[in-house]
Amino acid sequence: MPLAKSTILVTGGTGSFGHAFVPMALKKFDPERIIIYSRDEMKQWEMAKLFEGDKRVRFFIGDVRDRNRLYRAVDGVDHVVHAAATKIVPTAEYNPFEAVKTNILGAMNLIDACIDKGVSKVVALSTDKASSPINLYGATKLASDKLFVAGNHYAGGGKTRFSVVRYGNVMGSRGSVLPFFWDAASKNEPLPITDERMTRFMITLEQGVELVWTAFEDMAGGEIYVRKIPSMNIVDIASAVAPGKPTRVVGIRPGEKLHEQMIGPEDSLTTFEYKDYFKILPTINTWDRGADLSKGGKPVPEGFTYTSDTNTEWMSIPELQSWVEKNLAAPSSHSAPPARA
């Protein structure tokens, strides 16, 4: 596995993904270093306390918008996980210039820095909202995905390779509806339901981290990995998190979809299916000509889509209740508004 005994940098590493990735990677791969790159000094200070005394974990204040700082941060780094993003849907809608600066220009800065500094592999985190986007967040992440795929061509004869992993609703993350419902229930407030027909994909942080590992192990460059995960109806999610609590329909927010989509029909011609995931292959490939990037995958039918409402796998209310009982932390630690559901 390429991550073993390597130096790894995680942009936006003080977020929910980083808090799951770092301890899991330390235990599984024993890397030389994991560098957390983010712009929030307070989050870094709080996270550093969790790994006090572990010399493998380092912290680096910086913004992906800052090209020069990124060049310094990736110097001597073997692998990068790009998790930094402006990702709350209404925030991006009302602050579009800021979302573009972080999600698109930040991606460009990172691609340049990784190529010029000889980073081996880069895996960028994406979102279901990048598939047939209807909001600015999704549009910026689609542009980011395209940049990372094309980054392989941009690298020319260099060794740097880029791939993408695409997630749905990450259960229990700061951007998830689960802690949002939990908070409302703890305050005896009705749980706000956007639309009773709404469905969402459900993935745990641990599954998200494991998909990144799959990408690092499998990638030749330019692939987009989509894990197979179950769906749930939003009303059932509310019932699982806060059984018996009242709900109120508040309407779909600006830029929000009724159902999530991670693979659209336009991607079906280059999508392959595996046991636990799908892989969308790049439509251009100048960096590994003649290679079979599908690696034994089964082509999906033309017109295939992977959406939360037509999914063949569904999570039951008792299954989510069991997860909530084991994993959902105190409501006060999840005060951010939901980004995804």
C-alpha atoms as a PDB file:
ATOM      1  CA  MET A   1       0.000   0.000   0.000  1.00  0.00           C
ATOM      2  CA  PRO A   2       1.512   3.351  -1.031  1.00  0.00           C
ATOM      3  CA  LEU A   3       0.591   5.106   2.232  1.00  0.00           C
ATOM      4  CA  ALA A   4       2.779   2.878   4.409  1.00  0.00           C
ATOM      5  CA  LYS A   5       5.864   4.681   5.751  1.00  0.00           C
ATOM      6  CA  SER A   6       5.095   7.707   3.552  1.00  0.00           C
ATOM      7  CA  THR A   7       4.508  11.409   4.180  1.00  0.00           C
ATOM      8  CA  ILE A   8       0.849  12.382   3.727  1.00  0.00           C
ATOM      9  CA  LEU A   9      -0.660  15.863   3.639  1.00  0.00           C
ATOM     10  CA  VAL A  10      -4.393  16.421   4.230  1.00  0.00           C
ATOM     11  CA  THR A  11      -5.797  19.779   3.151  1.00  0.00           C
ATOM     12  CA  GLY A  12      -8.731  20.873   5.282  1.00  0.00           C
ATOM     13  CA  GLY A  13      -7.537  18.216   7.688  1.00  0.00           C
ATOM     14  CA  THR A  14      -9.211  19.619  10.808  1.00  0.00           C
ATOM     15  CA  GLY A  15     -12.672  18.774   9.453  1.00  0.00           C
ATOM     16  CA  SER A  16     -14.721  15.646  10.028  1.00  0.00           C
ATOM     17  CA  PHE A  17     -12.848  13.673   7.380  1.00  0.00           C
ATOM     18  CA  GLY A  18      -9.458  14.512   8.858  1.00  0.00           C
ATOM     19  CA  HIS A  19     -10.570  13.511  12.356  1.00  0.00           C
ATOM     20  CA  ALA A  20     -11.469  10.073  10.975  1.00  0.00           C
ATOM     21  CA  PHE A  21      -8.602   9.715   8.497  1.00  0.00           C
ATOM     22  CA  VAL A  22      -5.694  10.545  10.797  1.00  0.00           C
ATOM     23  CA  PRO A  23      -6.198   7.924  13.559  1.00  0.00           C
ATOM     24  CA  MET A  24      -7.219   5.273  11.025  1.00  0.00           C
ATOM     25  CA  ALA A  25      -4.161   5.922   8.839  1.00  0.00           C
ATOM     26  CA  LEU A  26      -1.794   6.037  11.812  1.00  0.00           C
ATOM     27  CA  LYS A  27      -3.012   2.648  12.958  1.00  0.00           C
ATOM     28  CA  LYS A  28      -3.135   0.927   9.560  1.00  0.00           C
ATOM     29  CA  PHE A  29      -0.103   2.344   7.740  1.00  0.00           C
ATOM     30  CA  ASP A  30       2.231   3.831  10.376  1.00  0.00           C
ATOM     31  CA  PRO A  31       3.235   6.681   8.022  1.00  0.00           C
ATOM     32  CA  GLU A  32       6.358   8.746   8.567  1.00  0.00           C
ATOM     33  CA  ARG A  33       4.249  11.889   8.883  1.00  0.00           C
ATOM     34  CA  ILE A  34       0.691  13.118   8.465  1.00  0.00           C
ATOM     35  CA  ILE A  35       0.575  16.875   7.906  1.00  0.00           C
ATOM     36  CA  ILE A  36      -2.685  18.673   8.643  1.00  0.00           C
ATOM     37  CA  TYR A  37      -2.997  21.741   6.415  1.00  0.00           C
ATOM     38  CA  SER A  38      -5.814  24.151   7.277  1.00  0.00           C
ATOM     39  CA  ARG A  39      -6.456  27.822   7.976  1.00  0.00           C
ATOM     40  CA  ASP A  40      -8.230  27.604  11.351  1.00  0.00           C
ATOM     41  CA  GLU A  41      -5.692  27.857  14.165  1.00  0.00           C
ATOM     42  CA  MET A  42      -8.247  27.061  16.880  1.00  0.00           C
ATOM     43  CA  LYS A  43      -9.325  23.817  15.177  1.00  0.00           C
ATOM     44  CA  GLN A  44      -5.671  22.889  14.765  1.00  0.00           C
ATOM     45  CA  TRP A  45      -4.981  23.602  18.435  1.00  0.00           C
ATOM     46  CA  GLU A  46      -7.928  21.450  19.509  1.00  0.00           C
ATOM     47  CA  MET A  47      -6.968  18.617  17.149  1.00  0.00           C
ATOM     48  CA  ALA A  48      -3.308  18.719  18.191  1.00  0.00           C
ATOM     49  CA  LYS A  49      -4.339  17.874  21.743  1.00  0.00           C
ATOM     50  CA  LEU A  50      -5.775  14.574  20.486  1.00  0.00           C
ATOM     51  CA  PHE A  51      -2.390  13.535  19.101  1.00  0.00           C
ATOM     52  CA  GLU A  52      -0.116  15.093  21.694  1.00  0.00           C
ATOM     53  CA  GLY A  53       3.166  13.213  21.874  1.00  0.00           C
ATOM     54  CA  ASP A  54       2.767  11.541  18.479  1.00  0.00           C
ATOM     55  CA  LYS A  55       5.611  12.971  16.395  1.00  0.00           C
ATOM     56  CA  ARG A  56       4.085  11.558  13.221  1.00  0.00           C
ATOM     57  CA  VAL A  57       1.310  14.192  13.269  1.00  0.00           C
ATOM     58  CA  ARG A  58       2.256  17.732  12.220  1.00  0.00           C
ATOM     59  CA  PHE A  59       0.202  20.882  11.703  1.00  0.00           C
ATOM     60  CA  PHE A  60       0.628  23.552   9.066  1.00  0.00           C
ATOM     61  CA  ILE A  61      -1.426  26.774   9.034  1.00  0.00           C
ATOM     62  CA  GLY A  62      -2.328  27.735   5.491  1.00  0.00           C
ATOM     63  CA  ASP A  63      -5.074  28.292   2.914  1.00  0.00           C
ATOM     64  CA  VAL A  64      -5.422  26.480  -0.406  1.00  0.00           C
ATOM     65  CA  ARG A  65      -5.955  29.907  -1.923  1.00  0.00           C
ATOM     66  CA  ASP A  66      -2.348  30.750  -0.997  1.00  0.00           C
ATOM     67  CA  ARG A  67      -0.237  29.267  -3.792  1.00  0.00           C
ATOM     68  CA  ASN A  68       3.132  30.004  -2.207  1.00  0.00           C
ATOM     69  CA  ARG A  69       2.127  28.503   1.124  1.00  0.00           C
ATOM     70  CA  LEU A  70       0.954  25.314  -0.611  1.00  0.00           C
ATOM     71  CA  TYR A  71       4.315  24.987  -2.347  1.00  0.00           C
ATOM     72  CA  ARG A  72       6.002  25.087   1.046  1.00  0.00           C
ATOM     73  CA  ALA A  73       3.515  22.631   2.561  1.00  0.00           C
ATOM     74  CA  VAL A  74       3.841  19.911  -0.092  1.00  0.00           C
ATOM     75  CA  ASP A  75       7.629  19.998  -0.247  1.00  0.00           C
ATOM     76  CA  GLY A  76       8.813  16.468   0.566  1.00  0.00           C
ATOM     77  CA  VAL A  77       5.244  15.062   0.617  1.00  0.00           C
ATOM     78  CA  ASP A  78       4.494  11.716  -1.044  1.00  0.00           C
ATOM     79  CA  HIS A  79       0.683  11.701  -1.063  1.00  0.00           C
ATOM     80  CA  VAL A  80      -2.038  14.322  -0.667  1.00  0.00           C
ATOM     81  CA  VAL A  81      -5.690  14.010   0.312  1.00  0.00           C
ATOM     82  CA  HIS A  82      -7.565  17.148  -0.724  1.00  0.00           C
ATOM     83  CA  ALA A  83     -10.472  17.676   1.675  1.00  0.00           C
ATOM     84  CA  ALA A  84     -10.469  21.495   1.872  1.00  0.00           C
ATOM     85  CA  ALA A  85     -13.627  23.080   0.450  1.00  0.00           C
ATOM     86  CA  THR A  86     -16.382  25.609   0.967  1.00  0.00           C
ATOM     87  CA  LYS A  87     -19.183  23.067   1.132  1.00  0.00           C
ATOM     88  CA  ILE A  88     -22.333  24.406   2.835  1.00  0.00           C
ATOM     89  CA  VAL A  89     -24.830  24.819   0.001  1.00  0.00           C
ATOM     90  CA  PRO A  90     -26.511  28.099   1.110  1.00  0.00           C
ATOM     91  CA  THR A  91     -23.124  29.604   2.038  1.00  0.00           C
ATOM     92  CA  ALA A  92     -21.864  28.996  -1.492  1.00  0.00           C
ATOM     93  CA  GLU A  93     -25.087  30.370  -2.998  1.00  0.00           C
ATOM     94  CA  TYR A  94     -24.787  33.653  -1.103  1.00  0.00           C
ATOM     95  CA  ASN A  95     -20.975  33.895  -1.297  1.00  0.00           C
ATOM     96  CA  PRO A  96     -20.199  32.623  -4.800  1.00  0.00           C
ATOM     97  CA  PHE A  97     -16.876  34.428  -5.265  1.00  0.00           C
ATOM     98  CA  GLU A  98     -15.534  32.868  -2.068  1.00  0.00           C
ATOM     99  CA  ALA A  99     -16.649  29.365  -3.088  1.00  0.00           C
ATOM    100  CA  VAL A 100     -14.914  29.753  -6.460  1.00  0.00           C
ATOM    101  CA  LYS A 101     -11.702  30.971  -4.824  1.00  0.00           C
ATOM    102  CA  THR A 102     -11.503  27.951  -2.512  1.00  0.00           C
ATOM    103  CA  ASN A 103     -13.026  25.145  -4.554  1.00  0.00           C
ATOM    104  CA  ILE A 104     -11.704  26.008  -8.023  1.00  0.00           C
ATOM    105  CA  LEU A 105      -8.694  28.300  -7.638  1.00  0.00           C
ATOM    106  CA  GLY A 106      -7.595  26.309  -4.588  1.00  0.00           C
ATOM    107  CA  ALA A 107      -7.698  23.118  -6.663  1.00  0.00           C
ATOM    108  CA  MET A 108      -5.594  24.778  -9.369  1.00  0.00           C
ATOM    109  CA  ASN A 109      -3.030  25.891  -6.794  1.00  0.00           C
ATOM    110  CA  LEU A 110      -2.777  22.412  -5.319  1.00  0.00           C
ATOM    111  CA  ILE A 111      -2.423  20.735  -8.715  1.00  0.00           C
ATOM    112  CA  ASP A 112       0.432  23.059  -9.675  1.00  0.00           C
ATOM    113  CA  ALA A 113       2.166  22.634  -6.319  1.00  0.00           C
ATOM    114  CA  CYS A 114       1.926  18.834  -6.375  1.00  0.00           C
ATOM    115  CA  ILE A 115       3.256  18.557  -9.928  1.00  0.00           C
ATOM    116  CA  ASP A 116       6.114  20.983  -9.377  1.00  0.00           C
ATOM    117  CA  LYS A 117       7.138  19.410  -6.054  1.00  0.00           C
ATOM    118  CA  GLY A 118       6.925  15.814  -7.316  1.00  0.00           C
ATOM    119  CA  VAL A 119       4.084  14.517  -5.135  1.00  0.00           C
ATOM    120  CA  SER A 120       3.308  10.929  -6.153  1.00  0.00           C
ATOM    121  CA  LYS A 121      -0.472  10.589  -5.763  1.00  0.00           C
ATOM    122  CA  VAL A 122      -3.315  12.989  -4.983  1.00  0.00           C
ATOM    123  CA  VAL A 123      -6.879  11.979  -4.107  1.00  0.00           C
ATOM    124  CA  ALA A 124      -9.464  14.769  -4.056  1.00  0.00           C
ATOM    125  CA  LEU A 125     -12.746  14.492  -2.163  1.00  0.00           C
ATOM    126  CA  SER A 126     -15.844  15.318  -4.185  1.00  0.00           C
ATOM    127  CA  THR A 127     -19.596  15.232  -3.638  1.00  0.00           C
ATOM    128  CA  ASP A 128     -22.800  13.896  -5.159  1.00  0.00           C
ATOM    129  CA  LYS A 129     -23.621  17.524  -5.939  1.00  0.00           C
ATOM    130  CA  ALA A 130     -20.895  17.545  -8.611  1.00  0.00           C
ATOM    131  CA  SER A 131     -23.020  15.161 -10.700  1.00  0.00           C
ATOM    132  CA  SER A 132     -25.469  17.217 -12.820  1.00  0.00           C
ATOM    133  CA  PRO A 133     -25.083  20.201 -10.447  1.00  0.00           C
ATOM    134  CA  ILE A 134     -27.924  22.643  -9.773  1.00  0.00           C
ATOM    135  CA  ASN A 135     -26.169  24.732  -7.104  1.00  0.00           C
ATOM    136  CA  LEU A 136     -22.938  26.703  -7.049  1.00  0.00           C
ATOM    137  CA  TYR A 137     -21.250  24.338  -4.603  1.00  0.00           C
ATOM    138  CA  GLY A 138     -21.894  21.422  -6.975  1.00  0.00           C
ATOM    139  CA  ALA A 139     -20.765  23.467  -9.975  1.00  0.00           C
ATOM    140  CA  THR A 140     -17.486  24.408  -8.303  1.00  0.00           C
ATOM    141  CA  LYS A 141     -16.862  20.796  -7.282  1.00  0.00           C
ATOM    142  CA  LEU A 142     -17.606  19.596 -10.821  1.00  0.00           C
ATOM    143  CA  ALA A 143     -15.024  22.099 -12.071  1.00  0.00           C
ATOM    144  CA  SER A 144     -12.630  20.881  -9.377  1.00  0.00           C
ATOM    145  CA  ASP A 145     -13.172  17.244 -10.405  1.00  0.00           C
ATOM    146  CA  LYS A 146     -12.468  18.142 -14.033  1.00  0.00           C
ATOM    147  CA  LEU A 147      -9.297  19.968 -12.990  1.00  0.00           C
ATOM    148  CA  PHE A 148      -7.977  17.024 -11.005  1.00  0.00           C
ATOM    149  CA  VAL A 149      -8.711  14.565 -13.824  1.00  0.00           C
ATOM    150  CA  ALA A 150      -7.034  16.836 -16.385  1.00  0.00           C
ATOM    151  CA  GLY A 151      -4.167  17.386 -13.942  1.00  0.00           C
ATOM    152  CA  ASN A 152      -2.802  14.030 -15.071  1.00  0.00           C
ATOM    153  CA  HIS A 153      -2.443  15.403 -18.595  1.00  0.00           C
ATOM    154  CA  TYR A 154      -1.114  18.688 -17.234  1.00  0.00           C
ATOM    155  CA  ALA A 155       1.611  16.781 -15.386  1.00  0.00           C
ATOM    156  CA  GLY A 156       3.098  15.736 -18.732  1.00  0.00           C
ATOM    157  CA  GLY A 157       5.972  13.349 -18.189  1.00  0.00           C
ATOM    158  CA  GLY A 158       5.985  13.941 -14.448  1.00  0.00           C
ATOM    159  CA  LYS A 159       5.127  11.267 -11.924  1.00  0.00           C
ATOM    160  CA  THR A 160       2.186  12.981 -10.194  1.00  0.00           C
ATOM    161  CA  ARG A 161      -1.191  11.294 -10.583  1.00  0.00           C
ATOM    162  CA  PHE A 162      -4.611  12.605  -9.551  1.00  0.00           C
ATOM    163  CA  SER A 163      -7.916  10.843  -8.846  1.00  0.00           C
ATOM    164  CA  VAL A 164     -11.241  11.720  -7.200  1.00  0.00           C
ATOM    165  CA  VAL A 165     -13.596  10.037  -4.729  1.00  0.00           C
ATOM    166  CA  ARG A 166     -17.261  11.046  -4.640  1.00  0.00           C
ATOM    167  CA  TYR A 167     -19.372  10.888  -1.472  1.00  0.00           C
ATOM    168  CA  GLY A 168     -23.009  11.214  -0.521  1.00  0.00           C
ATOM    169  CA  ASN A 169     -24.306  12.284   2.899  1.00  0.00           C
ATOM    170  CA  VAL A 170     -21.540  11.559   5.438  1.00  0.00           C
ATOM    171  CA  MET A 171     -23.261  10.340   8.591  1.00  0.00           C
ATOM    172  CA  GLY A 172     -22.444  12.352  11.692  1.00  0.00           C
ATOM    173  CA  SER A 173     -20.101  14.820  10.000  1.00  0.00           C
ATOM    174  CA  ARG A 174     -20.410  18.524  10.702  1.00  0.00           C
ATOM    175  CA  GLY A 175     -22.154  18.847   7.338  1.00  0.00           C
ATOM    176  CA  SER A 176     -24.648  16.066   8.032  1.00  0.00           C
ATOM    177  CA  VAL A 177     -28.327  16.376   8.858  1.00  0.00           C
ATOM    178  CA  LEU A 178     -28.011  13.805  11.684  1.00  0.00           C
ATOM    179  CA  PRO A 179     -26.458  16.098  14.316  1.00  0.00           C
ATOM    180  CA  PHE A 180     -28.731  18.893  13.089  1.00  0.00           C
ATOM    181  CA  PHE A 181     -31.789  16.759  13.884  1.00  0.00           C
ATOM    182  CA  TRP A 182     -30.169  15.660  17.156  1.00  0.00           C
ATOM    183  CA  ASP A 183     -29.724  19.288  18.238  1.00  0.00           C
ATOM    184  CA  ALA A 184     -33.312  20.184  17.378  1.00  0.00           C
ATOM    185  CA  ALA A 185     -34.638  17.205  19.340  1.00  0.00           C
ATOM    186  CA  SER A 186     -32.474  18.043  22.367  1.00  0.00           C
ATOM    187  CA  LYS A 187     -34.050  21.526  22.425  1.00  0.00           C
ATOM    188  CA  ASN A 188     -37.573  20.085  22.068  1.00  0.00           C
ATOM    189  CA  GLU A 189     -37.926  21.792  18.706  1.00  0.00           C
ATOM    190  CA  PRO A 190     -39.726  20.218  15.726  1.00  0.00           C
ATOM    191  CA  LEU A 191     -37.298  18.600  13.315  1.00  0.00           C
ATOM    192  CA  PRO A 192     -37.166  20.639  10.072  1.00  0.00           C
ATOM    193  CA  ILE A 193     -37.987  18.455   7.057  1.00  0.00           C
ATOM    194  CA  THR A 194     -37.285  20.077   3.707  1.00  0.00           C
ATOM    195  CA  ASP A 195     -39.546  17.746   1.693  1.00  0.00           C
ATOM    196  CA  GLU A 196     -41.096  14.454   2.789  1.00  0.00           C
ATOM    197  CA  ARG A 197     -40.152  12.837  -0.546  1.00  0.00           C
ATOM    198  CA  MET A 198     -36.455  13.664  -0.171  1.00  0.00           C
ATOM    199  CA  THR A 199     -33.908  10.829  -0.175  1.00  0.00           C
ATOM    200  CA  ARG A 200     -30.218  10.789   0.692  1.00  0.00           C
ATOM    201  CA  PHE A 201     -27.256   8.413   0.330  1.00  0.00           C
ATOM    202  CA  MET A 202     -25.757   7.326   3.655  1.00  0.00           C
ATOM    203  CA  ILE A 203     -22.031   6.728   4.149  1.00  0.00           C
ATOM    204  CA  THR A 204     -19.992   6.600   7.350  1.00  0.00           C
ATOM    205  CA  LEU A 205     -16.767   8.542   7.743  1.00  0.00           C
ATOM    206  CA  GLU A 206     -14.920   5.252   8.056  1.00  0.00           C
ATOM    207  CA  GLN A 207     -16.305   4.079   4.703  1.00  0.00           C
ATOM    208  CA  GLY A 208     -15.273   7.400   3.189  1.00  0.00           C
ATOM    209  CA  VAL A 209     -11.726   6.976   4.455  1.00  0.00           C
ATOM    210  CA  GLU A 210     -11.583   3.409   3.134  1.00  0.00           C
ATOM    211  CA  LEU A 211     -12.679   4.626  -0.315  1.00  0.00           C
ATOM    212  CA  VAL A 212      -9.725   7.025  -0.313  1.00  0.00           C
ATOM    213  CA  TRP A 213      -7.453   4.077   0.499  1.00  0.00           C
ATOM    214  CA  THR A 214      -9.011   2.118  -2.377  1.00  0.00           C
ATOM    215  CA  ALA A 215      -8.265   5.013  -4.709  1.00  0.00           C
ATOM    216  CA  PHE A 216      -4.624   5.264  -3.616  1.00  0.00           C
ATOM    217  CA  GLU A 217      -4.173   1.529  -4.120  1.00  0.00           C
ATOM    218  CA  ASP A 218      -5.990   1.220  -7.463  1.00  0.00           C
ATOM    219  CA  MET A 219      -5.520   4.532  -9.274  1.00  0.00           C
ATOM    220  CA  ALA A 220      -3.601   5.019 -12.497  1.00  0.00           C
ATOM    221  CA  GLY A 221      -4.834   8.616 -12.723  1.00  0.00           C
ATOM    222  CA  GLY A 222      -8.081  10.312 -13.718  1.00  0.00           C
ATOM    223  CA  GLU A 223     -10.566   7.891 -12.144  1.00  0.00           C
ATOM    224  CA  ILE A 224     -13.585   8.999 -10.113  1.00  0.00           C
ATOM    225  CA  TYR A 225     -14.497   6.424  -7.434  1.00  0.00           C
ATOM    226  CA  VAL A 226     -18.064   6.117  -6.136  1.00  0.00           C
ATOM    227  CA  ARG A 227     -18.748   3.741  -3.261  1.00  0.00           C
ATOM    228  CA  LYS A 228     -21.916   1.637  -3.196  1.00  0.00           C
ATOM    229  CA  ILE A 229     -23.924   2.793  -0.177  1.00  0.00           C
ATOM    230  CA  PRO A 230     -27.566   2.624   1.000  1.00  0.00           C
ATOM    231  CA  SER A 231     -30.225   5.311   0.755  1.00  0.00           C
ATOM    232  CA  MET A 232     -32.781   6.626   3.244  1.00  0.00           C
ATOM    233  CA  ASN A 233     -35.870   8.809   3.103  1.00  0.00           C
ATOM    234  CA  ILE A 234     -35.482  12.055   5.064  1.00  0.00           C
ATOM    235  CA  VAL A 235     -38.551  11.320   7.212  1.00  0.00           C
ATOM    236  CA  ASP A 236     -37.089   7.935   8.175  1.00  0.00           C
ATOM    237  CA  ILE A 237     -33.790   9.632   9.056  1.00  0.00           C
ATOM    238  CA  ALA A 238     -35.653  11.970  11.412  1.00  0.00           C
ATOM    239  CA  SER A 239     -37.529   9.036  12.963  1.00  0.00           C
ATOM    240  CA  ALA A 240     -34.292   7.143  13.552  1.00  0.00           C
ATOM    241  CA  VAL A 241     -32.444  10.089  15.130  1.00  0.00           C
ATOM    242  CA  ALA A 242     -35.323  11.329  17.269  1.00  0.00           C
ATOM    243  CA  PRO A 243     -38.122   8.741  17.533  1.00  0.00           C
ATOM    244  CA  GLY A 244     -41.532  10.230  18.261  1.00  0.00           C
ATOM    245  CA  LYS A 245     -40.391  13.845  17.931  1.00  0.00           C
ATOM    246  CA  PRO A 246     -42.557  16.214  15.875  1.00  0.00           C
ATOM    247  CA  THR A 247     -41.435  17.435  12.454  1.00  0.00           C
ATOM    248  CA  ARG A 248     -42.256  20.448  10.314  1.00  0.00           C
ATOM    249  CA  VAL A 249     -41.908  20.841   6.559  1.00  0.00           C
ATOM    250  CA  VAL A 250     -39.797  23.912   5.749  1.00  0.00           C
ATOM    251  CA  GLY A 251     -39.291  23.531   1.998  1.00  0.00           C
ATOM    252  CA  ILE A 252     -36.213  22.867  -0.107  1.00  0.00           C
ATOM    253  CA  ARG A 253     -33.430  25.386   0.413  1.00  0.00           C
ATOM    254  CA  PRO A 254     -31.806  27.367  -2.417  1.00  0.00           C
ATOM    255  CA  GLY A 255     -29.777  25.036  -4.618  1.00  0.00           C
ATOM    256  CA  GLU A 256     -30.925  21.826  -2.936  1.00  0.00           C
ATOM    257  CA  LYS A 257     -31.906  18.634  -4.796  1.00  0.00           C
ATOM    258  CA  LEU A 258     -34.833  16.381  -3.928  1.00  0.00           C
ATOM    259  CA  HIS A 259     -32.663  13.296  -4.548  1.00  0.00           C
ATOM    260  CA  GLU A 260     -28.909  12.818  -4.671  1.00  0.00           C
ATOM    261  CA  GLN A 261     -27.076  11.669  -7.793  1.00  0.00           C
ATOM    262  CA  MET A 262     -23.508  10.382  -7.885  1.00  0.00           C
ATOM    263  CA  ILE A 263     -23.399   8.994 -11.429  1.00  0.00           C
ATOM    264  CA  GLY A 264     -25.404  10.590 -14.240  1.00  0.00           C
ATOM    265  CA  PRO A 265     -26.423   9.041 -17.566  1.00  0.00           C
ATOM    266  CA  GLU A 266     -23.768  11.057 -19.383  1.00  0.00           C
ATOM    267  CA  ASP A 267     -21.079   9.163 -17.401  1.00  0.00           C
ATOM    268  CA  SER A 268     -22.514   5.701 -18.104  1.00  0.00           C
ATOM    269  CA  LEU A 269     -20.373   5.069 -21.201  1.00  0.00           C
ATOM    270  CA  THR A 270     -17.181   5.252 -19.127  1.00  0.00           C
ATOM    271  CA  THR A 271     -18.423   3.781 -15.814  1.00  0.00           C
ATOM    272  CA  PHE A 272     -17.476   0.326 -14.550  1.00  0.00           C
ATOM    273  CA  GLU A 273     -18.922  -1.644 -11.642  1.00  0.00           C
ATOM    274  CA  TYR A 274     -17.020  -3.557  -8.946  1.00  0.00           C
ATOM    275  CA  LYS A 275     -18.090  -5.371  -5.803  1.00  0.00           C
ATOM    276  CA  ASP A 276     -18.098  -2.358  -3.486  1.00  0.00           C
ATOM    277  CA  TYR A 277     -17.832   0.651  -5.795  1.00  0.00           C
ATOM    278  CA  PHE A 278     -18.178   2.161  -9.251  1.00  0.00           C
ATOM    279  CA  LYS A 279     -15.366   3.798 -11.186  1.00  0.00           C
ATOM    280  CA  ILE A 280     -15.850   6.544 -13.779  1.00  0.00           C
ATOM    281  CA  LEU A 281     -12.906   6.505 -16.175  1.00  0.00           C
ATOM    282  CA  PRO A 282     -11.517   9.667 -17.778  1.00  0.00           C
ATOM    283  CA  THR A 283     -12.631  10.489 -21.311  1.00  0.00           C
ATOM    284  CA  ILE A 284      -9.096  11.624 -22.085  1.00  0.00           C
ATOM    285  CA  ASN A 285      -5.984   9.619 -21.248  1.00  0.00           C
ATOM    286  CA  THR A 286      -2.646  10.882 -22.499  1.00  0.00           C
ATOM    287  CA  TRP A 287      -0.697   9.754 -19.450  1.00  0.00           C
ATOM    288  CA  ASP A 288      -1.223   5.982 -19.568  1.00  0.00           C
ATOM    289  CA  ARG A 289      -2.018   5.143 -23.194  1.00  0.00           C
ATOM    290  CA  GLY A 290      -3.039   1.573 -23.867  1.00  0.00           C
ATOM    291  CA  ALA A 291      -3.569   0.700 -20.212  1.00  0.00           C
ATOM    292  CA  ASP A 292      -6.768  -1.044 -19.137  1.00  0.00           C
ATOM    293  CA  LEU A 293      -7.940   1.400 -16.484  1.00  0.00           C
ATOM    294  CA  SER A 294     -11.095  -0.641 -15.874  1.00  0.00           C
ATOM    295  CA  LYS A 295      -9.001  -3.445 -14.313  1.00  0.00           C
ATOM    296  CA  GLY A 296     -11.624  -6.145 -14.706  1.00  0.00           C
ATOM    297  CA  GLY A 297     -14.667  -4.027 -13.943  1.00  0.00           C
ATOM    298  CA  LYS A 298     -18.051  -4.668 -15.538  1.00  0.00           C
ATOM    299  CA  PRO A 299     -19.359  -1.902 -17.858  1.00  0.00           C
ATOM    300  CA  VAL A 300     -22.672  -0.461 -16.657  1.00  0.00           C
ATOM    301  CA  PRO A 301     -25.588  -0.284 -19.127  1.00  0.00           C
ATOM    302  CA  GLU A 302     -25.840   2.785 -21.336  1.00  0.00           C
ATOM    303  CA  GLY A 303     -27.981   5.409 -19.601  1.00  0.00           C
ATOM    304  CA  PHE A 304     -27.189   4.001 -16.132  1.00  0.00           C
ATOM    305  CA  THR A 305     -27.620   6.362 -13.191  1.00  0.00           C
ATOM    306  CA  TYR A 306     -26.780   6.019  -9.520  1.00  0.00           C
ATOM    307  CA  THR A 307     -29.299   8.058  -7.566  1.00  0.00           C
ATOM    308  CA  SER A 308     -30.605   7.928  -4.005  1.00  0.00           C
ATOM    309  CA  ASP A 309     -34.256   7.425  -5.019  1.00  0.00           C
ATOM    310  CA  THR A 310     -33.641   4.518  -7.441  1.00  0.00           C
ATOM    311  CA  ASN A 311     -30.945   2.849  -5.340  1.00  0.00           C
ATOM    312  CA  THR A 312     -31.336  -0.902  -4.828  1.00  0.00           C
ATOM    313  CA  GLU A 313     -29.922  -0.781  -1.278  1.00  0.00           C
ATOM    314  CA  TRP A 314     -31.752   0.954   1.575  1.00  0.00           C
ATOM    315  CA  MET A 315     -30.883   1.521   5.226  1.00  0.00           C
ATOM    316  CA  SER A 316     -33.655   0.717   7.702  1.00  0.00           C
ATOM    317  CA  ILE A 317     -34.682   2.882  10.649  1.00  0.00           C
ATOM    318  CA  PRO A 318     -33.382   0.312  13.204  1.00  0.00           C
ATOM    319  CA  GLU A 319     -30.025   0.172  11.375  1.00  0.00           C
ATOM    320  CA  LEU A 320     -29.609   3.939  11.585  1.00  0.00           C
ATOM    321  CA  GLN A 321     -30.823   3.970  15.194  1.00  0.00           C
ATOM    322  CA  SER A 322     -28.120   1.463  16.079  1.00  0.00           C
ATOM    323  CA  TRP A 323     -25.497   3.647  14.413  1.00  0.00           C
ATOM    324  CA  VAL A 324     -26.761   6.772  16.202  1.00  0.00           C
ATOM    325  CA  GLU A 325     -26.591   5.063  19.599  1.00  0.00           C
ATOM    326  CA  LYS A 326     -22.968   4.056  18.999  1.00  0.00           C
ATOM    327  CA  ASN A 327     -21.589   7.081  17.202  1.00  0.00           C
ATOM    328  CA  LEU A 328     -23.494  10.322  17.527  1.00  0.00           C
ATOM    329  CA  ALA A 329     -21.649  12.621  19.921  1.00  0.00           C
ATOM    330  CA  ALA A 330     -23.095  15.294  22.189  1.00  0.00           C
ATOM    331  CA  PRO A 331     -25.174  17.819  20.238  1.00  0.00           C
ATOM    332  CA  SER A 332     -22.989  20.744  21.309  1.00  0.00           C
ATOM    333  CA  SER A 333     -20.092  19.397  19.254  1.00  0.00           C
ATOM    334  CA  HIS A 334     -22.105  19.507  16.034  1.00  0.00           C
ATOM    335  CA  SER A 335     -23.447  23.020  15.828  1.00  0.00           C
ATOM    336  CA  ALA A 336     -22.849  23.746  12.118  1.00  0.00           C
ATOM    337  CA  PRO A 337     -25.830  23.773   9.731  1.00  0.00           C
ATOM    338  CA  PRO A 338     -26.266  20.781   7.430  1.00  0.00           C
ATOM    339  CA  ALA A 339     -24.365  20.950   4.148  1.00  0.00           C
ATOM    340  CA  ARG A 340     -25.767  17.940   2.399  1.00  0.00           C
ATOM    341  CA  ALA A 341     -29.273  17.009   3.426  1.00  0.00           C
END
